[in-house]
C-alpha atoms as a PDB file:
ATOM      1  CA  VAL A   1       0.000   0.000   0.000  1.00  0.00           C
ATOM      2  CA  ILE A   2       1.244   3.474  -0.952  1.00  0.00           C
ATOM      3  CA  THR A   3      -0.295   6.441   0.870  1.00  0.00           C
ATOM      4  CA  VAL A   4      -0.541   9.759  -0.985  1.00  0.00           C
ATOM      5  CA  ALA A   5      -2.223  13.134  -0.481  1.00  0.00           C
ATOM      6  CA  GLY A   6      -2.606  12.594   3.246  1.00  0.00           C
ATOM      7  CA  ASP A   7      -4.845   9.539   3.495  1.00  0.00           C
ATOM      8  CA  THR A   8      -5.456   8.173  -0.022  1.00  0.00           C
ATOM      9  CA  GLU A   9      -4.209   4.610  -0.389  1.00  0.00           C
ATOM     10  CA  ILE A  10      -2.934   3.066  -3.621  1.00  0.00           C
ATOM     11  CA  TYR A  11      -3.124  -0.724  -3.475  1.00  0.00           C
ATOM     12  CA  VAL A  12      -0.394  -2.407  -5.499  1.00  0.00           C
ATOM     13  CA  GLY A  13      -0.332  -6.106  -6.343  1.00  0.00           C
ATOM     14  CA  THR A  14      -0.350  -8.612  -9.205  1.00  0.00           C
ATOM     15  CA  TYR A  15      -3.020 -10.360 -11.261  1.00  0.00           C
ATOM     16  CA  ALA A  16      -2.387 -12.767 -14.138  1.00  0.00           C
ATOM     17  CA  LYS A  17       1.330 -12.036 -13.726  1.00  0.00           C
ATOM     18  CA  LYS A  18       0.718  -8.340 -14.338  1.00  0.00           C
ATOM     19  CA  ASN A  19       1.349  -5.501 -11.912  1.00  0.00           C
ATOM     20  CA  ILE A  20      -1.863  -3.773 -10.825  1.00  0.00           C
ATOM     21  CA  ALA A  21      -2.454  -0.527  -8.938  1.00  0.00           C
ATOM     22  CA  LEU A  22      -5.920   0.293  -7.570  1.00  0.00           C
ATOM     23  CA  VAL A  23      -6.959   3.664  -6.150  1.00  0.00           C
ATOM     24  CA  ALA A  24     -10.204   5.473  -5.340  1.00  0.00           C
ATOM     25  CA  THR A  25      -9.827   8.915  -6.928  1.00  0.00           C
ATOM     26  CA  GLY A  26     -12.461  10.619  -4.804  1.00  0.00           C
ATOM     27  CA  ILE A  27     -15.359  12.813  -5.943  1.00  0.00           C
ATOM     28  CA  GLY A  28     -14.788  15.807  -8.198  1.00  0.00           C
ATOM     29  CA  ASN A  29     -12.514  16.326 -11.185  1.00  0.00           C
ATOM     30  CA  TYR A  30     -10.098  18.505  -9.219  1.00  0.00           C
ATOM     31  CA  VAL A  31      -9.449  15.719  -6.730  1.00  0.00           C
ATOM     32  CA  SER A  32      -9.481  12.876  -9.259  1.00  0.00           C
ATOM     33  CA  SER A  33      -6.886  14.671 -11.399  1.00  0.00           C
ATOM     34  CA  MET A  34      -4.501  15.043  -8.471  1.00  0.00           C
ATOM     35  CA  ILE A  35      -4.920  11.467  -7.236  1.00  0.00           C
ATOM     36  CA  THR A  36      -4.644   9.961 -10.720  1.00  0.00           C
ATOM     37  CA  ALA A  37      -1.502  11.956 -11.448  1.00  0.00           C
ATOM     38  CA  LEU A  38       0.111  10.841  -8.203  1.00  0.00           C
ATOM     39  CA  ALA A  39      -0.828   7.211  -8.901  1.00  0.00           C
ATOM     40  CA  ILE A  40       0.626   7.394 -12.413  1.00  0.00           C
ATOM     41  CA  GLU A  41       3.806   9.097 -11.208  1.00  0.00           C
ATOM     42  CA  LEU A  42       4.410   6.456  -8.538  1.00  0.00           C
ATOM     43  CA  THR A  43       3.329   3.258 -10.320  1.00  0.00           C
ATOM     44  CA  LYS A  44       4.121   4.019 -14.006  1.00  0.00           C
ATOM     45  CA  PRO A  45       1.149   2.130 -15.537  1.00  0.00           C
ATOM     46  CA  TYR A  46       0.821   1.310 -19.245  1.00  0.00           C
ATOM     47  CA  LEU A  47      -3.002   1.575 -19.104  1.00  0.00           C
ATOM     48  CA  CYS A  48      -5.629   3.332 -16.985  1.00  0.00           C
ATOM     49  CA  ILE A  49      -9.063   1.722 -16.495  1.00  0.00           C
ATOM     50  CA  GLN A  50     -11.791   3.805 -14.876  1.00  0.00           C
ATOM     51  CA  ILE A  51     -14.596   1.995 -13.064  1.00  0.00           C
ATOM     52  CA  GLY A  52     -17.427   3.496 -11.032  1.00  0.00           C
ATOM     53  CA  ASN A  53     -20.822   5.077 -11.662  1.00  0.00           C
ATOM     54  CA  VAL A  54     -22.336   7.533 -14.108  1.00  0.00           C
ATOM     55  CA  ASN A  55     -25.658   9.350 -14.333  1.00  0.00           C
ATOM     56  CA  SER A  56     -27.810   8.995 -17.441  1.00  0.00           C
ATOM     57  CA  PHE A  57     -29.578  11.872 -19.171  1.00  0.00           C
ATOM     58  CA  ASP A  58     -30.682   9.786 -22.161  1.00  0.00           C
ATOM     59  CA  GLU A  59     -33.477   7.221 -22.131  1.00  0.00           C
ATOM     60  CA  THR A  60     -31.283   4.665 -23.910  1.00  0.00           C
ATOM     61  CA  LEU A  61     -29.155   4.240 -20.761  1.00  0.00           C
ATOM     62  CA  LYS A  62     -31.061   2.736 -17.828  1.00  0.00           C
ATOM     63  CA  GLN A  63     -30.170   2.231 -14.167  1.00  0.00           C
ATOM     64  CA  THR A  64     -27.722  -0.737 -13.742  1.00  0.00           C
ATOM     65  CA  ASP A  65     -26.835  -0.744 -17.467  1.00  0.00           C
ATOM     66  CA  LEU A  66     -23.131  -0.760 -18.352  1.00  0.00           C
ATOM     67  CA  PHE A  67     -21.611   2.272 -20.041  1.00  0.00           C
ATOM     68  CA  VAL A  68     -18.307   2.712 -21.861  1.00  0.00           C
ATOM     69  CA  ALA A  69     -17.212   6.259 -22.661  1.00  0.00           C
ATOM     70  CA  THR A  70     -15.935   6.507 -26.235  1.00  0.00           C
ATOM     71  CA  ARG A  71     -15.246  10.225 -25.762  1.00  0.00           C
ATOM     72  CA  VAL A  72     -15.013  12.464 -22.697  1.00  0.00           C
ATOM     73  CA  TYR A  73     -15.797  16.197 -22.776  1.00  0.00           C
ATOM     74  CA  LEU A  74     -15.262  18.683 -19.950  1.00  0.00           C
ATOM     75  CA  SER A  75     -18.625  20.418 -19.604  1.00  0.00           C
ATOM     76  CA  ASP A  76     -17.780  23.174 -17.110  1.00  0.00           C
ATOM     77  CA  ILE A  77     -14.654  24.650 -18.727  1.00  0.00           C
ATOM     78  CA  ASN A  78     -14.682  27.835 -20.769  1.00  0.00           C
ATOM     79  CA  GLN A  79     -11.293  29.239 -21.727  1.00  0.00           C
ATOM     80  CA  MET A  80     -12.416  30.466 -25.152  1.00  0.00           C
ATOM     81  CA  PRO A  81     -11.864  34.200 -24.418  1.00  0.00           C
ATOM     82  CA  ILE A  82      -8.093  33.719 -24.081  1.00  0.00           C
ATOM     83  CA  GLY A  83      -7.444  32.053 -27.419  1.00  0.00           C
ATOM     84  CA  LYS A  84      -8.548  29.761 -30.226  1.00  0.00           C
ATOM     85  CA  LEU A  85     -10.118  27.131 -27.999  1.00  0.00           C
ATOM     86  CA  THR A  86     -13.395  25.244 -28.068  1.00  0.00           C
ATOM     87  CA  TYR A  87     -15.744  25.062 -25.116  1.00  0.00           C
ATOM     88  CA  GLY A  88     -14.441  22.465 -22.665  1.00  0.00           C
ATOM     89  CA  GLN A  89     -10.854  22.708 -23.912  1.00  0.00           C
ATOM     90  CA  LEU A  90      -7.937  23.666 -21.709  1.00  0.00           C
ATOM     91  CA  PRO A  91      -4.904  25.469 -23.195  1.00  0.00           C
ATOM     92  CA  GLY A  92      -2.374  22.971 -24.509  1.00  0.00           C
ATOM     93  CA  LEU A  93      -4.818  20.056 -24.251  1.00  0.00           C
ATOM     94  CA  LYS A  94      -7.336  18.384 -26.552  1.00  0.00           C
ATOM     95  CA  PRO A  95     -10.966  19.469 -27.091  1.00  0.00           C
ATOM     96  CA  PHE A  96     -12.012  15.971 -25.945  1.00  0.00           C
ATOM     97  CA  TYR A  97     -10.447  12.689 -24.849  1.00  0.00           C
ATOM     98  CA  THR A  98     -10.943   9.297 -26.462  1.00  0.00           C
ATOM     99  CA  SER A  99     -10.891   5.796 -25.054  1.00  0.00           C
ATOM    100  CA  GLU A 100      -8.584   3.171 -26.513  1.00  0.00           C
ATOM    101  CA  VAL A 101     -10.719   1.798 -29.365  1.00  0.00           C
ATOM    102  CA  THR A 102      -9.434  -1.782 -29.243  1.00  0.00           C
ATOM    103  CA  LEU A 103     -10.160  -1.983 -25.506  1.00  0.00           C
ATOM    104  CA  VAL A 104     -13.689  -0.612 -25.955  1.00  0.00           C
ATOM    105  CA  GLN A 105     -14.374  -3.398 -28.433  1.00  0.00           C
ATOM    106  CA  ARG A 106     -12.722  -5.961 -26.176  1.00  0.00           C
ATOM    107  CA  ILE A 107     -14.964  -4.962 -23.256  1.00  0.00           C
ATOM    108  CA  LYS A 108     -18.008  -5.338 -25.506  1.00  0.00           C
ATOM    109  CA  ASP A 109     -16.871  -8.813 -26.611  1.00  0.00           C
ATOM    110  CA  ILE A 110     -16.162  -9.975 -23.048  1.00  0.00           C
ATOM    111  CA  ASN A 111     -19.576  -8.769 -21.879  1.00  0.00           C
ATOM    112  CA  SER A 112     -21.219 -10.655 -24.758  1.00  0.00           C
ATOM    113  CA  SER A 113     -19.428 -13.849 -23.749  1.00  0.00           C
ATOM    114  CA  LEU A 114     -20.566 -13.538 -20.125  1.00  0.00           C
ATOM    115  CA  ALA A 115     -24.085 -12.467 -19.147  1.00  0.00           C
ATOM    116  CA  ASN A 116     -24.403 -10.002 -22.036  1.00  0.00           C
ATOM    117  CA  LYS A 117     -25.774  -7.244 -19.824  1.00  0.00           C
ATOM    118  CA  PRO A 118     -27.076  -4.107 -21.546  1.00  0.00           C
ATOM    119  CA  LEU A 119     -23.979  -2.110 -22.524  1.00  0.00           C
ATOM    120  CA  LEU A 120     -24.028   1.263 -24.224  1.00  0.00           C
ATOM    121  CA  ARG A 121     -21.078   3.050 -25.781  1.00  0.00           C
ATOM    122  CA  GLY A 122     -21.341   6.814 -25.939  1.00  0.00           C
ATOM    123  CA  VAL A 123     -20.073  10.272 -25.030  1.00  0.00           C
ATOM    124  CA  LEU A 124     -19.512  11.259 -21.408  1.00  0.00           C
ATOM    125  CA  LEU A 125     -19.841  14.815 -20.108  1.00  0.00           C
ATOM    126  CA  THR A 126     -17.918  15.484 -16.920  1.00  0.00           C
ATOM    127  CA  ASP A 127     -17.779  18.376 -14.465  1.00  0.00           C
ATOM    128  CA  ASN A 128     -17.624  19.023 -10.733  1.00  0.00           C
ATOM    129  CA  LYS A 129     -21.368  19.183 -10.152  1.00  0.00           C
ATOM    130  CA  PHE A 130     -23.577  16.196  -9.419  1.00  0.00           C
ATOM    131  CA  ARG A 131     -26.343  16.683 -11.977  1.00  0.00           C
ATOM    132  CA  THR A 132     -29.958  15.851 -11.098  1.00  0.00           C
ATOM    133  CA  ILE A 133     -31.998  18.031 -13.461  1.00  0.00           C
ATOM    134  CA  GLN A 134     -32.512  16.931 -17.053  1.00  0.00           C
ATOM    135  CA  GLU A 135     -33.219  20.465 -18.250  1.00  0.00           C
ATOM    136  CA  ASP A 136     -29.827  21.640 -16.999  1.00  0.00           C
ATOM    137  CA  MET A 137     -28.058  19.032 -19.137  1.00  0.00           C
ATOM    138  CA  ASN A 138     -30.202  19.918 -22.144  1.00  0.00           C
ATOM    139  CA  LYS A 139     -29.186  23.574 -21.820  1.00  0.00           C
ATOM    140  CA  ILE A 140     -25.480  22.690 -21.649  1.00  0.00           C
ATOM    141  CA  ILE A 141     -25.716  20.423 -24.685  1.00  0.00           C
ATOM    142  CA  ASP A 142     -27.835  22.846 -26.726  1.00  0.00           C
ATOM    143  CA  LYS A 143     -25.475  25.732 -25.986  1.00  0.00           C
ATOM    144  CA  HIS A 144     -22.085  24.050 -26.277  1.00  0.00           C
ATOM    145  CA  PHE A 145     -22.310  20.527 -27.722  1.00  0.00           C
ATOM    146  CA  VAL A 146     -25.287  20.536 -30.077  1.00  0.00           C
ATOM    147  CA  LYS A 147     -23.231  19.077 -32.956  1.00  0.00           C
ATOM    148  CA  ILE A 148     -21.882  16.183 -30.880  1.00  0.00           C
ATOM    149  CA  GLU A 149     -23.854  12.956 -31.272  1.00  0.00           C
ATOM    150  CA  ASN A 150     -24.531  10.188 -28.771  1.00  0.00           C
ATOM    151  CA  MET A 151     -24.141  12.167 -25.544  1.00  0.00           C
ATOM    152  CA  VAL A 152     -25.845  10.060 -22.903  1.00  0.00           C
ATOM    153  CA  ALA A 153     -24.138  10.248 -19.502  1.00  0.00           C
ATOM    154  CA  CYS A 154     -22.366  12.533 -17.039  1.00  0.00           C
ATOM    155  CA  ASP A 155     -20.118  12.163 -14.021  1.00  0.00           C
ATOM    156  CA  SER A 156     -17.791  14.093 -11.705  1.00  0.00           C
ATOM    157  CA  ASN A 157     -14.600  12.039 -11.942  1.00  0.00           C
ATOM    158  CA  ALA A 158     -13.629  11.230 -15.506  1.00  0.00           C
ATOM    159  CA  GLY A 159     -12.412  14.719 -16.378  1.00  0.00           C
ATOM    160  CA  GLY A 160      -9.594  14.638 -13.879  1.00  0.00           C
ATOM    161  CA  ILE A 161      -8.657  11.092 -14.830  1.00  0.00           C
ATOM    162  CA  VAL A 162      -8.463  11.714 -18.580  1.00  0.00           C
ATOM    163  CA  ILE A 163      -6.486  14.943 -18.123  1.00  0.00           C
ATOM    164  CA  ALA A 164      -3.891  13.109 -16.035  1.00  0.00           C
ATOM    165  CA  CYS A 165      -3.762  10.266 -18.568  1.00  0.00           C
ATOM    166  CA  GLU A 166      -3.304  12.758 -21.410  1.00  0.00           C
ATOM    167  CA  LYS A 167      -0.483  14.590 -19.655  1.00  0.00           C
ATOM    168  CA  TYR A 168       1.327  11.312 -18.973  1.00  0.00           C
ATOM    169  CA  LYS A 169       0.400   9.778 -22.366  1.00  0.00           C
ATOM    170  CA  ILE A 170      -1.348   6.795 -20.743  1.00  0.00           C
ATOM    171  CA  PRO A 171      -4.104   5.029 -22.747  1.00  0.00           C
ATOM    172  CA  TYR A 172      -7.528   5.262 -21.064  1.00  0.00           C
ATOM    173  CA  VAL A 173     -10.691   3.171 -21.105  1.00  0.00           C
ATOM    174  CA  SER A 174     -13.759   3.134 -18.858  1.00  0.00           C
ATOM    175  CA  LEU A 175     -16.328   0.590 -17.748  1.00  0.00           C
ATOM    176  CA  LEU A 176     -19.004   2.336 -15.719  1.00  0.00           C
ATOM    177  CA  VAL A 177     -22.404   1.508 -14.263  1.00  0.00           C
ATOM    178  CA  CYS A 178     -25.431   3.729 -14.704  1.00  0.00           C
ATOM    179  CA  ALA A 179     -26.529   4.339 -11.117  1.00  0.00           C
ATOM    180  CA  TYR A 180     -29.026   7.126 -11.683  1.00  0.00           C
ATOM    181  CA  GLU A 181     -31.303   8.459 -14.419  1.00  0.00           C
ATOM    182  CA  LEU A 182     -31.630  12.237 -14.168  1.00  0.00           C
ATOM    183  CA  GLY A 183     -35.019  13.370 -12.927  1.00  0.00           C
ATOM    184  CA  ASP A 184     -35.973  10.124 -11.189  1.00  0.00           C
ATOM    185  CA  GLU A 185     -36.066  11.123  -7.529  1.00  0.00           C
ATOM    186  CA  LYS A 186     -36.634   7.538  -6.332  1.00  0.00           C
ATOM    187  CA  GLN A 187     -33.355   6.481  -7.928  1.00  0.00           C
ATOM    188  CA  LEU A 188     -31.462   9.075  -5.910  1.00  0.00           C
ATOM    189  CA  LEU A 189     -32.181   6.945  -2.851  1.00  0.00           C
ATOM    190  CA  THR A 190     -31.071   3.695  -4.481  1.00  0.00           C
ATOM    191  CA  ARG A 191     -28.234   4.855  -6.737  1.00  0.00           C
ATOM    192  CA  GLN A 192     -25.349   3.772  -4.509  1.00  0.00           C
ATOM    193  CA  ARG A 193     -26.820   0.341  -3.824  1.00  0.00           C
ATOM    194  CA  LYS A 194     -27.784  -0.197  -7.465  1.00  0.00           C
ATOM    195  CA  GLY A 195     -24.379   0.920  -8.678  1.00  0.00           C
ATOM    196  CA  LEU A 196     -22.526  -1.333  -6.266  1.00  0.00           C
ATOM    197  CA  SER A 197     -24.713  -4.328  -7.139  1.00  0.00           C
ATOM    198  CA  VAL A 198     -23.217  -4.480 -10.645  1.00  0.00           C
ATOM    199  CA  GLN A 199     -19.573  -3.976  -9.641  1.00  0.00           C
ATOM    200  CA  PRO A 200     -18.841  -7.716  -9.129  1.00  0.00           C
ATOM    201  CA  TYR A 201     -19.837  -8.254 -12.759  1.00  0.00           C
ATOM    202  CA  VAL A 202     -17.689  -5.302 -13.799  1.00  0.00           C
ATOM    203  CA  GLY A 203     -14.847  -6.997 -11.929  1.00  0.00           C
ATOM    204  CA  LYS A 204     -15.264 -10.146 -14.026  1.00  0.00           C
ATOM    205  CA  ILE A 205     -14.983  -8.152 -17.242  1.00  0.00           C
ATOM    206  CA  ILE A 206     -11.927  -6.240 -16.022  1.00  0.00           C
ATOM    207  CA  ALA A 207     -10.278  -9.489 -14.908  1.00  0.00           C
ATOM    208  CA  GLN A 208     -10.635 -10.953 -18.383  1.00  0.00           C
ATOM    209  CA  LEU A 209      -9.501  -7.712 -19.976  1.00  0.00           C
ATOM    210  CA  ILE A 210      -6.317  -7.755 -17.924  1.00  0.00           C
ATOM    211  CA  ASP A 211      -5.787 -11.472 -18.343  1.00  0.00           C
ATOM    212  CA  ASN A 212      -5.894 -11.182 -22.120  1.00  0.00           C
END
């Protein structure tokens, strides 16, 4: 165990003869960026896999469905006044971040060979606010991302993770669980339990992904 940033623990071990580092990045892109960067600096990984929960703002992604982010956009960043940047883009960085295509397909294939749970691939919006109102997401998309197709989910962690991966040139892929559908107040009470209930299955997919 490696302790960083006061009390955050990075668990280091082996699986299928490969070195593995596991860390909880915390809530919020500011925190997740710092923790991910420290983990990368100390463990020197060749791949970063994000697991956890997302919120759905599209009816195609239901509670407990699996979600893989093909692209990640920062939805609360606006540096456009200082230069030729798009909304969500930070100076010196990309307008969006992409998952490793071969790993996205591999996750889909592994899921199909197991229980074949509903799995949706799409675009993830990420910022530091936990979103609960569908209309708020619609306004953000209509104002800043109207030309981007297949936007279905949001979270408050991926932004920091993908920025750290980009700075260190580490390939990234996600396998997330839809824990909450925006606007459904009943799901707010069950989102943690529902999200956790699917994580053992997520673990099976990740184990095969690493093993192969």
